N, C-alpha and C. Protein backbone atom coordinates (compact mmCIF):
# COMPACT_ATOMS: atom_id res chain seq x y z
N MET A 1 3.18 52.63 -3.61
CA MET A 1 4.12 51.95 -2.72
C MET A 1 3.40 50.82 -1.98
N ALA A 2 4.04 49.66 -1.94
CA ALA A 2 3.43 48.52 -1.27
C ALA A 2 3.47 48.71 0.24
N ARG A 3 2.44 48.21 0.92
CA ARG A 3 2.40 48.30 2.37
C ARG A 3 3.40 47.31 2.98
N PRO A 4 3.76 47.52 4.25
CA PRO A 4 4.67 46.57 4.91
C PRO A 4 4.05 45.18 4.89
N SER A 5 4.88 44.17 4.78
CA SER A 5 4.38 42.79 4.74
C SER A 5 3.72 42.42 6.06
N VAL A 6 2.69 41.62 5.98
CA VAL A 6 1.94 41.20 7.16
C VAL A 6 2.52 39.88 7.67
N PRO A 7 2.80 39.77 8.99
CA PRO A 7 3.35 38.53 9.53
C PRO A 7 2.44 37.34 9.21
N SER A 8 3.05 36.18 8.98
CA SER A 8 2.27 34.98 8.64
C SER A 8 1.33 34.59 9.77
N SER A 9 1.71 34.90 11.03
CA SER A 9 0.84 34.56 12.16
C SER A 9 -0.48 35.33 12.08
N GLN A 10 -0.42 36.60 11.64
CA GLN A 10 -1.64 37.40 11.52
C GLN A 10 -2.51 36.88 10.38
N LYS A 11 -1.88 36.49 9.29
CA LYS A 11 -2.65 35.93 8.17
C LYS A 11 -3.36 34.65 8.60
N ALA A 12 -2.65 33.81 9.35
CA ALA A 12 -3.25 32.55 9.82
C ALA A 12 -4.41 32.82 10.75
N LEU A 13 -4.25 33.77 11.68
CA LEU A 13 -5.32 34.09 12.62
C LEU A 13 -6.52 34.70 11.92
N LEU A 14 -6.27 35.52 10.90
CA LEU A 14 -7.37 36.11 10.16
C LEU A 14 -8.18 35.04 9.44
N LEU A 15 -7.49 34.07 8.85
CA LEU A 15 -8.19 32.97 8.18
C LEU A 15 -9.00 32.16 9.18
N GLU A 16 -8.44 31.95 10.38
CA GLU A 16 -9.16 31.22 11.42
C GLU A 16 -10.40 31.98 11.87
N LEU A 17 -10.26 33.30 12.04
CA LEU A 17 -11.39 34.11 12.47
C LEU A 17 -12.51 34.05 11.44
N LYS A 18 -12.16 34.20 10.17
CA LYS A 18 -13.17 34.14 9.11
C LYS A 18 -13.83 32.77 9.07
N GLY A 19 -13.02 31.72 9.25
CA GLY A 19 -13.57 30.37 9.25
C GLY A 19 -14.55 30.15 10.38
N LEU A 20 -14.24 30.70 11.56
CA LEU A 20 -15.13 30.54 12.71
C LEU A 20 -16.39 31.39 12.58
N GLN A 21 -16.29 32.50 11.86
CA GLN A 21 -17.48 33.32 11.63
C GLN A 21 -18.40 32.68 10.59
N GLU A 22 -17.81 32.02 9.60
CA GLU A 22 -18.61 31.39 8.55
C GLU A 22 -19.11 30.01 8.96
N GLU A 23 -18.32 29.29 9.75
CA GLU A 23 -18.72 27.97 10.26
C GLU A 23 -18.44 27.94 11.76
N PRO A 24 -19.34 28.53 12.56
CA PRO A 24 -19.09 28.68 14.00
C PRO A 24 -19.02 27.33 14.72
N VAL A 25 -18.33 27.35 15.85
CA VAL A 25 -18.35 26.21 16.76
C VAL A 25 -19.58 26.39 17.66
N GLU A 26 -20.39 25.37 17.71
CA GLU A 26 -21.64 25.44 18.46
C GLU A 26 -21.41 25.85 19.91
N GLY A 27 -22.19 26.83 20.36
CA GLY A 27 -22.11 27.23 21.76
C GLY A 27 -21.09 28.30 22.07
N PHE A 28 -20.42 28.84 21.04
CA PHE A 28 -19.40 29.85 21.26
C PHE A 28 -19.70 31.11 20.44
N ARG A 29 -19.28 32.24 20.96
CA ARG A 29 -19.31 33.51 20.23
C ARG A 29 -17.88 34.03 20.19
N VAL A 30 -17.34 34.20 18.99
CA VAL A 30 -15.94 34.60 18.83
C VAL A 30 -15.86 35.95 18.15
N SER A 31 -15.07 36.85 18.71
CA SER A 31 -14.87 38.17 18.11
C SER A 31 -13.50 38.69 18.54
N LEU A 32 -13.10 39.81 17.96
CA LEU A 32 -11.86 40.48 18.37
C LEU A 32 -12.18 41.56 19.39
N VAL A 33 -11.35 41.70 20.40
CA VAL A 33 -11.53 42.77 21.37
C VAL A 33 -11.36 44.12 20.67
N ASP A 34 -10.36 44.19 19.80
CA ASP A 34 -10.08 45.39 18.99
C ASP A 34 -9.93 44.91 17.56
N GLU A 35 -10.70 45.48 16.63
CA GLU A 35 -10.69 45.02 15.24
C GLU A 35 -9.29 45.10 14.61
N GLY A 36 -8.42 45.92 15.16
CA GLY A 36 -7.08 46.05 14.59
C GLY A 36 -6.05 45.14 15.23
N ASP A 37 -6.46 44.31 16.20
CA ASP A 37 -5.52 43.46 16.92
C ASP A 37 -5.96 42.00 16.81
N LEU A 38 -5.29 41.25 15.95
CA LEU A 38 -5.65 39.84 15.72
C LEU A 38 -5.14 38.91 16.81
N TYR A 39 -4.36 39.43 17.74
CA TYR A 39 -3.80 38.59 18.80
C TYR A 39 -4.63 38.63 20.07
N ASN A 40 -5.68 39.43 20.08
CA ASN A 40 -6.49 39.58 21.30
C ASN A 40 -7.95 39.25 20.98
N TRP A 41 -8.36 38.04 21.31
CA TRP A 41 -9.71 37.55 20.99
C TRP A 41 -10.59 37.56 22.22
N GLU A 42 -11.88 37.70 21.98
CA GLU A 42 -12.88 37.55 23.04
C GLU A 42 -13.76 36.36 22.69
N VAL A 43 -13.77 35.39 23.58
CA VAL A 43 -14.55 34.18 23.36
C VAL A 43 -15.58 34.04 24.48
N ALA A 44 -16.83 33.94 24.10
CA ALA A 44 -17.91 33.75 25.07
C ALA A 44 -18.51 32.36 24.88
N ILE A 45 -18.83 31.71 25.98
CA ILE A 45 -19.43 30.39 25.94
C ILE A 45 -20.88 30.50 26.39
N PHE A 46 -21.79 29.95 25.59
CA PHE A 46 -23.20 29.91 25.97
C PHE A 46 -23.47 28.59 26.70
N GLY A 47 -24.20 28.71 27.82
CA GLY A 47 -24.58 27.50 28.54
C GLY A 47 -25.53 26.65 27.71
N PRO A 48 -25.23 25.37 27.50
CA PRO A 48 -26.09 24.52 26.67
C PRO A 48 -27.49 24.37 27.26
N PRO A 49 -28.54 24.41 26.43
CA PRO A 49 -29.90 24.19 26.91
C PRO A 49 -30.04 22.81 27.56
N ASN A 50 -30.98 22.71 28.46
CA ASN A 50 -31.27 21.46 29.18
C ASN A 50 -30.11 21.00 30.05
N THR A 51 -29.27 21.95 30.48
CA THR A 51 -28.21 21.65 31.44
C THR A 51 -28.29 22.69 32.56
N HIS A 52 -27.50 22.50 33.60
CA HIS A 52 -27.48 23.49 34.69
C HIS A 52 -26.96 24.84 34.23
N TYR A 53 -26.23 24.85 33.10
CA TYR A 53 -25.64 26.08 32.60
C TYR A 53 -26.55 26.84 31.64
N GLU A 54 -27.75 26.33 31.39
CA GLU A 54 -28.66 26.97 30.43
C GLU A 54 -28.88 28.44 30.77
N GLY A 55 -28.76 29.30 29.74
CA GLY A 55 -28.95 30.74 29.93
C GLY A 55 -27.68 31.47 30.31
N GLY A 56 -26.58 30.74 30.49
CA GLY A 56 -25.32 31.37 30.89
C GLY A 56 -24.57 31.97 29.72
N TYR A 57 -23.82 33.03 29.99
CA TYR A 57 -23.02 33.73 28.99
C TYR A 57 -21.66 34.01 29.64
N PHE A 58 -20.73 33.08 29.44
CA PHE A 58 -19.47 33.11 30.18
C PHE A 58 -18.34 33.65 29.31
N LYS A 59 -17.79 34.82 29.71
CA LYS A 59 -16.74 35.47 28.92
C LYS A 59 -15.37 35.36 29.57
N THR A 60 -15.31 35.05 30.83
CA THR A 60 -14.02 35.05 31.53
C THR A 60 -13.81 33.72 32.23
N GLY A 61 -12.59 33.54 32.64
CA GLY A 61 -12.29 32.32 33.39
C GLY A 61 -10.98 31.70 32.91
N ASP A 62 -10.48 30.77 33.69
CA ASP A 62 -9.24 30.07 33.36
C ASP A 62 -9.57 28.61 33.07
N VAL A 63 -8.87 28.05 32.10
CA VAL A 63 -9.03 26.63 31.80
C VAL A 63 -7.67 25.96 31.86
N CYS A 64 -7.69 24.71 32.23
CA CYS A 64 -6.46 23.93 32.30
C CYS A 64 -6.61 22.79 31.29
N ILE A 65 -6.03 22.96 30.11
CA ILE A 65 -6.12 21.97 29.04
C ILE A 65 -4.70 21.63 28.58
N SER A 66 -4.45 20.36 28.41
CA SER A 66 -3.10 19.91 28.05
C SER A 66 -2.57 20.59 26.80
N ILE A 67 -3.42 20.77 25.78
CA ILE A 67 -2.92 21.30 24.51
C ILE A 67 -2.50 22.77 24.60
N LEU A 68 -2.78 23.43 25.73
CA LEU A 68 -2.33 24.82 25.92
C LEU A 68 -1.02 24.89 26.68
N HIS A 69 -0.52 23.73 27.12
CA HIS A 69 0.73 23.72 27.87
C HIS A 69 1.92 23.60 26.92
N PRO A 70 3.06 24.22 27.27
CA PRO A 70 4.25 24.13 26.41
C PRO A 70 4.65 22.68 26.17
N PRO A 71 5.15 22.36 24.98
CA PRO A 71 5.49 20.97 24.63
C PRO A 71 6.82 20.52 25.23
N VAL A 72 6.89 20.49 26.55
CA VAL A 72 8.11 20.05 27.23
C VAL A 72 7.79 18.81 28.05
N ASP A 73 8.81 18.07 28.38
CA ASP A 73 8.63 16.86 29.18
C ASP A 73 8.55 17.25 30.65
N ASP A 74 7.39 17.06 31.27
CA ASP A 74 7.18 17.43 32.67
C ASP A 74 6.56 16.24 33.40
N PRO A 75 7.39 15.36 33.96
CA PRO A 75 6.86 14.16 34.64
C PRO A 75 5.89 14.47 35.76
N GLN A 76 6.04 15.66 36.38
CA GLN A 76 5.17 16.03 37.51
C GLN A 76 3.72 16.20 37.08
N SER A 77 3.50 16.56 35.82
CA SER A 77 2.14 16.87 35.36
C SER A 77 1.33 15.63 35.02
N GLY A 78 2.02 14.53 34.72
CA GLY A 78 1.31 13.33 34.30
C GLY A 78 0.88 13.38 32.85
N GLU A 79 1.33 14.41 32.10
CA GLU A 79 0.98 14.56 30.69
C GLU A 79 2.15 14.12 29.81
N LEU A 80 1.83 13.52 28.70
CA LEU A 80 2.86 13.18 27.71
C LEU A 80 3.14 14.42 26.85
N PRO A 81 4.36 14.59 26.34
CA PRO A 81 4.65 15.72 25.44
C PRO A 81 3.71 15.75 24.24
N SER A 82 3.28 14.57 23.77
CA SER A 82 2.39 14.51 22.61
C SER A 82 1.00 15.06 22.91
N GLU A 83 0.64 15.19 24.21
CA GLU A 83 -0.67 15.72 24.59
C GLU A 83 -0.65 17.24 24.72
N ARG A 84 0.54 17.82 24.62
CA ARG A 84 0.68 19.25 24.82
C ARG A 84 0.63 20.01 23.50
N TRP A 85 0.91 21.29 23.55
CA TRP A 85 0.80 22.15 22.37
C TRP A 85 1.67 21.65 21.22
N ASN A 86 1.10 21.71 20.02
CA ASN A 86 1.88 21.46 18.81
C ASN A 86 1.29 22.31 17.69
N PRO A 87 2.02 22.50 16.60
CA PRO A 87 1.57 23.43 15.55
C PRO A 87 0.28 23.04 14.84
N THR A 88 -0.20 21.81 15.04
CA THR A 88 -1.46 21.43 14.38
C THR A 88 -2.67 21.98 15.12
N GLN A 89 -2.49 22.46 16.35
CA GLN A 89 -3.61 23.01 17.12
C GLN A 89 -3.98 24.39 16.58
N ASN A 90 -5.26 24.70 16.62
CA ASN A 90 -5.72 26.03 16.22
C ASN A 90 -6.86 26.44 17.13
N VAL A 91 -7.44 27.59 16.88
CA VAL A 91 -8.50 28.10 17.76
C VAL A 91 -9.68 27.13 17.80
N ARG A 92 -10.04 26.56 16.65
CA ARG A 92 -11.18 25.64 16.60
C ARG A 92 -10.94 24.40 17.45
N THR A 93 -9.75 23.81 17.36
CA THR A 93 -9.48 22.60 18.15
C THR A 93 -9.44 22.92 19.64
N ILE A 94 -8.99 24.14 19.98
CA ILE A 94 -8.98 24.54 21.39
C ILE A 94 -10.41 24.69 21.91
N LEU A 95 -11.29 25.31 21.11
CA LEU A 95 -12.69 25.46 21.52
C LEU A 95 -13.35 24.10 21.69
N LEU A 96 -13.06 23.18 20.78
CA LEU A 96 -13.62 21.83 20.89
C LEU A 96 -13.11 21.14 22.15
N SER A 97 -11.85 21.42 22.53
CA SER A 97 -11.30 20.84 23.75
C SER A 97 -11.99 21.40 24.98
N VAL A 98 -12.37 22.70 24.91
CA VAL A 98 -13.10 23.31 26.03
C VAL A 98 -14.46 22.63 26.18
N ILE A 99 -15.13 22.36 25.06
CA ILE A 99 -16.41 21.65 25.11
C ILE A 99 -16.23 20.29 25.76
N SER A 100 -15.18 19.58 25.37
CA SER A 100 -14.91 18.27 25.94
C SER A 100 -14.66 18.37 27.44
N LEU A 101 -13.94 19.41 27.84
CA LEU A 101 -13.65 19.63 29.26
C LEU A 101 -14.93 19.90 30.05
N LEU A 102 -15.84 20.68 29.45
CA LEU A 102 -17.10 20.98 30.14
C LEU A 102 -17.96 19.73 30.26
N ASN A 103 -17.93 18.89 29.22
CA ASN A 103 -18.74 17.67 29.26
C ASN A 103 -18.21 16.66 30.26
N GLU A 104 -16.89 16.59 30.39
CA GLU A 104 -16.28 15.60 31.29
C GLU A 104 -15.06 16.21 31.95
N PRO A 105 -15.25 16.99 33.02
CA PRO A 105 -14.12 17.63 33.70
C PRO A 105 -13.14 16.60 34.25
N ASN A 106 -11.86 16.95 34.19
CA ASN A 106 -10.82 16.08 34.75
C ASN A 106 -10.60 16.50 36.21
N THR A 107 -11.20 15.76 37.12
CA THR A 107 -11.12 16.14 38.54
C THR A 107 -9.81 15.69 39.19
N PHE A 108 -8.96 14.99 38.45
CA PHE A 108 -7.69 14.53 39.01
C PHE A 108 -6.57 15.54 38.80
N SER A 109 -6.79 16.51 37.92
CA SER A 109 -5.80 17.57 37.69
C SER A 109 -6.53 18.90 37.50
N PRO A 110 -7.25 19.35 38.53
CA PRO A 110 -8.10 20.53 38.37
C PRO A 110 -7.33 21.85 38.50
N ALA A 111 -7.78 22.85 37.72
CA ALA A 111 -7.25 24.20 37.89
C ALA A 111 -7.89 24.86 39.11
N ASN A 112 -9.13 24.46 39.43
CA ASN A 112 -9.86 24.99 40.57
C ASN A 112 -10.21 23.81 41.48
N VAL A 113 -9.43 23.64 42.54
CA VAL A 113 -9.59 22.48 43.42
C VAL A 113 -10.96 22.48 44.10
N ASP A 114 -11.41 23.65 44.57
CA ASP A 114 -12.71 23.73 45.25
C ASP A 114 -13.85 23.29 44.32
N ALA A 115 -13.80 23.74 43.08
CA ALA A 115 -14.83 23.35 42.12
C ALA A 115 -14.79 21.85 41.86
N SER A 116 -13.58 21.31 41.81
CA SER A 116 -13.42 19.87 41.59
C SER A 116 -14.04 19.06 42.72
N VAL A 117 -13.81 19.51 43.95
CA VAL A 117 -14.37 18.80 45.12
C VAL A 117 -15.89 18.86 45.08
N MET A 118 -16.45 20.04 44.77
CA MET A 118 -17.91 20.19 44.71
C MET A 118 -18.50 19.31 43.61
N TYR A 119 -17.84 19.27 42.46
CA TYR A 119 -18.34 18.47 41.34
C TYR A 119 -18.34 16.98 41.69
N ARG A 120 -17.26 16.53 42.32
CA ARG A 120 -17.17 15.11 42.68
C ARG A 120 -18.21 14.73 43.73
N LYS A 121 -18.44 15.63 44.69
CA LYS A 121 -19.46 15.38 45.72
C LYS A 121 -20.85 15.29 45.07
N TRP A 122 -21.13 16.21 44.14
CA TRP A 122 -22.42 16.21 43.45
C TRP A 122 -22.60 14.92 42.65
N LYS A 123 -21.54 14.51 41.93
CA LYS A 123 -21.63 13.32 41.09
C LYS A 123 -21.77 12.06 41.94
N GLU A 124 -20.99 11.97 43.00
CA GLU A 124 -21.03 10.78 43.85
C GLU A 124 -22.34 10.67 44.62
N SER A 125 -22.98 11.83 44.88
CA SER A 125 -24.26 11.81 45.60
C SER A 125 -25.45 11.63 44.66
N LYS A 126 -25.14 11.47 43.34
CA LYS A 126 -26.18 11.35 42.31
C LYS A 126 -27.13 12.55 42.30
N GLY A 127 -26.56 13.73 42.56
CA GLY A 127 -27.33 14.95 42.47
C GLY A 127 -27.97 15.39 43.77
N ASN A 128 -27.80 14.64 44.84
CA ASN A 128 -28.42 15.01 46.11
C ASN A 128 -27.69 16.17 46.79
N ASP A 129 -26.38 16.24 46.59
CA ASP A 129 -25.62 17.36 47.15
C ASP A 129 -25.80 18.56 46.22
N GLN A 130 -26.43 19.61 46.72
CA GLN A 130 -26.84 20.74 45.89
C GLN A 130 -25.84 21.89 45.83
N GLU A 131 -24.73 21.80 46.55
CA GLU A 131 -23.80 22.93 46.59
C GLU A 131 -23.30 23.28 45.18
N TYR A 132 -22.99 22.27 44.40
CA TYR A 132 -22.46 22.47 43.05
C TYR A 132 -23.49 23.14 42.14
N THR A 133 -24.70 22.59 42.10
CA THR A 133 -25.73 23.15 41.21
C THR A 133 -26.20 24.53 41.67
N ASP A 134 -26.23 24.76 42.99
CA ASP A 134 -26.63 26.07 43.50
C ASP A 134 -25.63 27.14 43.06
N LEU A 135 -24.35 26.81 43.09
CA LEU A 135 -23.32 27.76 42.68
C LEU A 135 -23.43 28.06 41.18
N ILE A 136 -23.69 27.03 40.38
CA ILE A 136 -23.84 27.23 38.93
C ILE A 136 -25.01 28.16 38.64
N ARG A 137 -26.14 27.92 39.29
CA ARG A 137 -27.32 28.76 39.05
C ARG A 137 -27.03 30.22 39.42
N LYS A 138 -26.29 30.42 40.50
CA LYS A 138 -25.92 31.77 40.92
C LYS A 138 -25.03 32.43 39.86
N GLN A 139 -24.09 31.67 39.31
CA GLN A 139 -23.18 32.21 38.30
C GLN A 139 -23.93 32.52 37.00
N VAL A 140 -24.86 31.65 36.62
CA VAL A 140 -25.65 31.87 35.41
C VAL A 140 -26.43 33.17 35.52
N LEU A 141 -27.07 33.37 36.65
CA LEU A 141 -27.84 34.61 36.86
C LEU A 141 -26.92 35.83 36.78
N GLY A 142 -25.69 35.69 37.30
CA GLY A 142 -24.75 36.80 37.28
C GLY A 142 -24.29 37.19 35.89
N THR A 143 -24.35 36.24 34.94
CA THR A 143 -23.89 36.54 33.58
C THR A 143 -24.92 37.31 32.77
N LYS A 144 -26.15 37.41 33.26
CA LYS A 144 -27.18 38.13 32.51
C LYS A 144 -26.83 39.60 32.33
N VAL A 145 -26.11 40.15 33.29
CA VAL A 145 -25.70 41.55 33.20
C VAL A 145 -24.75 41.73 32.01
N ASP A 146 -23.80 40.80 31.85
CA ASP A 146 -22.85 40.87 30.73
C ASP A 146 -23.58 40.75 29.40
N ALA A 147 -24.54 39.82 29.33
CA ALA A 147 -25.28 39.61 28.08
C ALA A 147 -26.07 40.85 27.70
N GLU A 148 -26.74 41.46 28.68
CA GLU A 148 -27.51 42.67 28.41
C GLU A 148 -26.61 43.81 27.97
N ARG A 149 -25.45 43.94 28.61
CA ARG A 149 -24.52 45.02 28.27
C ARG A 149 -23.98 44.84 26.85
N ASP A 150 -23.75 43.59 26.44
CA ASP A 150 -23.22 43.31 25.10
C ASP A 150 -24.32 43.21 24.04
N GLY A 151 -25.58 43.31 24.46
CA GLY A 151 -26.69 43.20 23.51
C GLY A 151 -26.81 41.80 22.93
N ILE A 152 -26.53 40.79 23.74
CA ILE A 152 -26.54 39.40 23.28
C ILE A 152 -27.79 38.69 23.77
N LYS A 153 -28.48 38.02 22.84
CA LYS A 153 -29.60 37.16 23.21
C LYS A 153 -29.05 35.75 23.41
N VAL A 154 -29.02 35.31 24.64
CA VAL A 154 -28.45 34.00 24.96
C VAL A 154 -29.41 32.90 24.52
N PRO A 155 -28.93 31.91 23.76
CA PRO A 155 -29.82 30.82 23.34
C PRO A 155 -30.27 29.97 24.52
N THR A 156 -31.55 29.67 24.55
CA THR A 156 -32.10 28.84 25.63
C THR A 156 -32.81 27.60 25.10
N THR A 157 -32.87 27.47 23.76
CA THR A 157 -33.45 26.27 23.15
C THR A 157 -32.40 25.64 22.24
N LEU A 158 -32.57 24.38 21.93
CA LEU A 158 -31.61 23.70 21.05
C LEU A 158 -31.61 24.32 19.66
N ALA A 159 -32.78 24.77 19.19
CA ALA A 159 -32.87 25.38 17.86
C ALA A 159 -32.03 26.65 17.80
N GLU A 160 -32.03 27.44 18.89
CA GLU A 160 -31.24 28.67 18.94
C GLU A 160 -29.75 28.35 19.14
N TYR A 161 -29.49 27.32 19.92
CA TYR A 161 -28.11 26.97 20.27
C TYR A 161 -27.34 26.41 19.08
N CYS A 162 -28.04 25.64 18.23
CA CYS A 162 -27.39 25.04 17.06
C CYS A 162 -27.29 26.08 15.96
N ILE A 163 -26.15 26.73 15.88
CA ILE A 163 -25.95 27.85 14.97
C ILE A 163 -25.95 27.38 13.53
N LYS A 164 -26.63 28.14 12.69
CA LYS A 164 -26.60 27.87 11.25
C LYS A 164 -25.32 28.45 10.66
N THR A 165 -24.82 27.82 9.63
CA THR A 165 -23.62 28.31 8.97
C THR A 165 -23.88 29.68 8.38
N LYS A 166 -22.98 30.59 8.63
CA LYS A 166 -23.12 31.98 8.16
C LYS A 166 -22.54 32.12 6.76
N THR A 167 -23.30 32.73 5.87
CA THR A 167 -22.79 33.03 4.53
C THR A 167 -22.42 34.50 4.48
N PRO A 168 -21.13 34.82 4.36
CA PRO A 168 -20.72 36.22 4.37
C PRO A 168 -21.19 36.97 3.14
N THR A 169 -21.45 38.25 3.30
CA THR A 169 -21.84 39.10 2.17
C THR A 169 -20.67 39.99 1.81
N PRO A 170 -20.59 40.45 0.56
CA PRO A 170 -19.41 41.21 0.12
C PRO A 170 -19.14 42.48 0.88
N ASP A 171 -20.21 43.08 1.47
CA ASP A 171 -19.99 44.37 2.12
C ASP A 171 -19.76 44.24 3.61
N GLU A 172 -19.53 43.03 4.12
CA GLU A 172 -19.30 42.88 5.55
C GLU A 172 -17.95 43.45 5.93
N GLY A 173 -17.89 44.02 7.14
CA GLY A 173 -16.65 44.62 7.60
C GLY A 173 -15.51 43.63 7.64
N SER A 174 -15.80 42.37 8.01
CA SER A 174 -14.74 41.39 8.12
C SER A 174 -14.10 41.14 6.76
N ASP A 175 -14.89 41.23 5.66
CA ASP A 175 -14.32 41.01 4.34
C ASP A 175 -13.41 42.16 3.96
N LEU A 176 -13.78 43.39 4.36
CA LEU A 176 -12.93 44.52 4.09
C LEU A 176 -11.62 44.38 4.84
N PHE A 177 -11.70 43.90 6.06
CA PHE A 177 -10.53 43.67 6.88
C PHE A 177 -9.65 42.61 6.21
N TYR A 178 -10.31 41.58 5.70
CA TYR A 178 -9.61 40.48 5.03
C TYR A 178 -8.90 41.00 3.78
N ASP A 179 -9.61 41.80 2.98
CA ASP A 179 -9.02 42.32 1.75
C ASP A 179 -7.82 43.22 2.05
N GLU A 180 -7.91 43.97 3.14
CA GLU A 180 -6.81 44.86 3.50
C GLU A 180 -5.53 44.07 3.76
N TYR A 181 -5.70 42.86 4.31
CA TYR A 181 -4.54 42.04 4.62
C TYR A 181 -3.99 41.32 3.40
N TYR A 182 -4.85 41.08 2.40
CA TYR A 182 -4.43 40.23 1.31
C TYR A 182 -4.26 40.92 -0.04
N GLU A 183 -4.71 42.16 -0.17
CA GLU A 183 -4.61 42.79 -1.47
C GLU A 183 -3.17 43.03 -1.87
N ASP A 184 -2.29 43.29 -0.90
CA ASP A 184 -0.89 43.49 -1.23
C ASP A 184 -0.24 42.22 -1.73
N ASP A 185 -0.67 41.07 -1.14
CA ASP A 185 -0.13 39.80 -1.59
C ASP A 185 -0.48 39.56 -3.04
N GLU A 186 -1.75 39.89 -3.40
CA GLU A 186 -2.17 39.70 -4.78
C GLU A 186 -1.39 40.64 -5.71
N MET A 187 -1.16 41.87 -5.24
CA MET A 187 -0.41 42.82 -6.03
C MET A 187 1.02 42.33 -6.23
N ASP A 188 1.61 41.81 -5.12
CA ASP A 188 2.98 41.33 -5.19
C ASP A 188 3.10 40.16 -6.15
N GLU A 189 2.05 39.27 -6.15
CA GLU A 189 2.07 38.12 -7.05
C GLU A 189 2.01 38.58 -8.50
N GLU A 190 1.19 39.63 -8.77
CA GLU A 190 1.09 40.14 -10.14
C GLU A 190 2.42 40.77 -10.56
N GLU A 191 3.03 41.53 -9.64
CA GLU A 191 4.31 42.14 -9.95
C GLU A 191 5.38 41.08 -10.17
N GLU A 192 5.29 39.99 -9.35
CA GLU A 192 6.26 38.92 -9.47
C GLU A 192 6.11 38.22 -10.82
N ASP A 193 4.85 38.02 -11.25
CA ASP A 193 4.60 37.38 -12.53
C ASP A 193 5.18 38.23 -13.66
N SER A 194 4.97 39.57 -13.56
CA SER A 194 5.43 40.45 -14.63
C SER A 194 6.96 40.53 -14.66
N CYS A 195 7.58 40.33 -13.48
CA CYS A 195 9.04 40.42 -13.42
C CYS A 195 9.72 39.14 -13.86
N TYR A 196 9.10 37.98 -13.50
CA TYR A 196 9.78 36.72 -13.71
C TYR A 196 9.17 35.86 -14.79
N GLY A 197 8.14 36.34 -15.44
CA GLY A 197 7.57 35.61 -16.57
C GLY A 197 7.05 34.25 -16.18
N ASP A 198 7.44 33.22 -16.93
CA ASP A 198 6.91 31.88 -16.74
C ASP A 198 7.87 30.95 -16.03
N GLU A 199 8.76 31.50 -15.21
CA GLU A 199 9.67 30.63 -14.49
C GLU A 199 8.91 29.70 -13.57
N GLU A 200 9.45 28.49 -13.37
CA GLU A 200 8.77 27.51 -12.54
C GLU A 200 8.82 27.92 -11.10
N ASP A 201 7.77 27.52 -10.36
CA ASP A 201 7.70 27.77 -8.93
C ASP A 201 8.72 26.90 -8.23
N SER A 202 9.44 27.46 -7.26
CA SER A 202 10.44 26.70 -6.55
C SER A 202 9.84 25.64 -5.64
N GLY A 203 8.52 25.84 -5.32
CA GLY A 203 7.85 24.88 -4.43
C GLY A 203 8.05 25.18 -2.98
N ASN A 204 8.79 26.22 -2.65
CA ASN A 204 9.01 26.58 -1.25
C ASN A 204 7.90 27.48 -0.78
N GLU A 205 7.27 27.09 0.33
CA GLU A 205 6.20 27.88 0.92
C GLU A 205 6.48 28.07 2.39
N GLU A 206 6.04 29.21 2.89
CA GLU A 206 6.17 29.45 4.33
C GLU A 206 5.05 28.72 5.03
N SER A 207 5.39 27.89 5.99
CA SER A 207 4.36 27.12 6.69
C SER A 207 3.91 27.84 7.92
């Protein structure tokens, strides 16, 4: 008996997860909170070497990024609908947007007003105002507990930070998880071929 069909959203997320494991986004660690739940991800950000965030392992927090906002017209936000969520966005593009946000925070529409004020004071003082950097150092030290608990070695050099592309092996758990999701599709295709012979494909695909 064939298993129940898997929603297309789960198939898409599984492909994204595998893609991020095989070709990681630099500075991020991506995993599932529960191996059986593709809708609940855990994303950790490593502080880039040679920055104030070096040695940091950040697993929590809120971000304010236009592409995560619903695609509605909201004149109050100052955002165009085209800057908001659309179906072309995926986990990788969101992670890249987070990197962009960290490199150049938007202090005119901050999610954390206090942090925005501290950052602007630090930048305008050319680094003389230490409140911003002192807070970062305190937060970085606080993340060491999380890293130790998760058994994570935080990269502190560029060589460690620049992740090499991972080549999956056949016996990896993620491949077994992948096969579990797709073996029924392959079976259904074989059954479909045996039932319908050489009829032409209609060309209709679920997007």
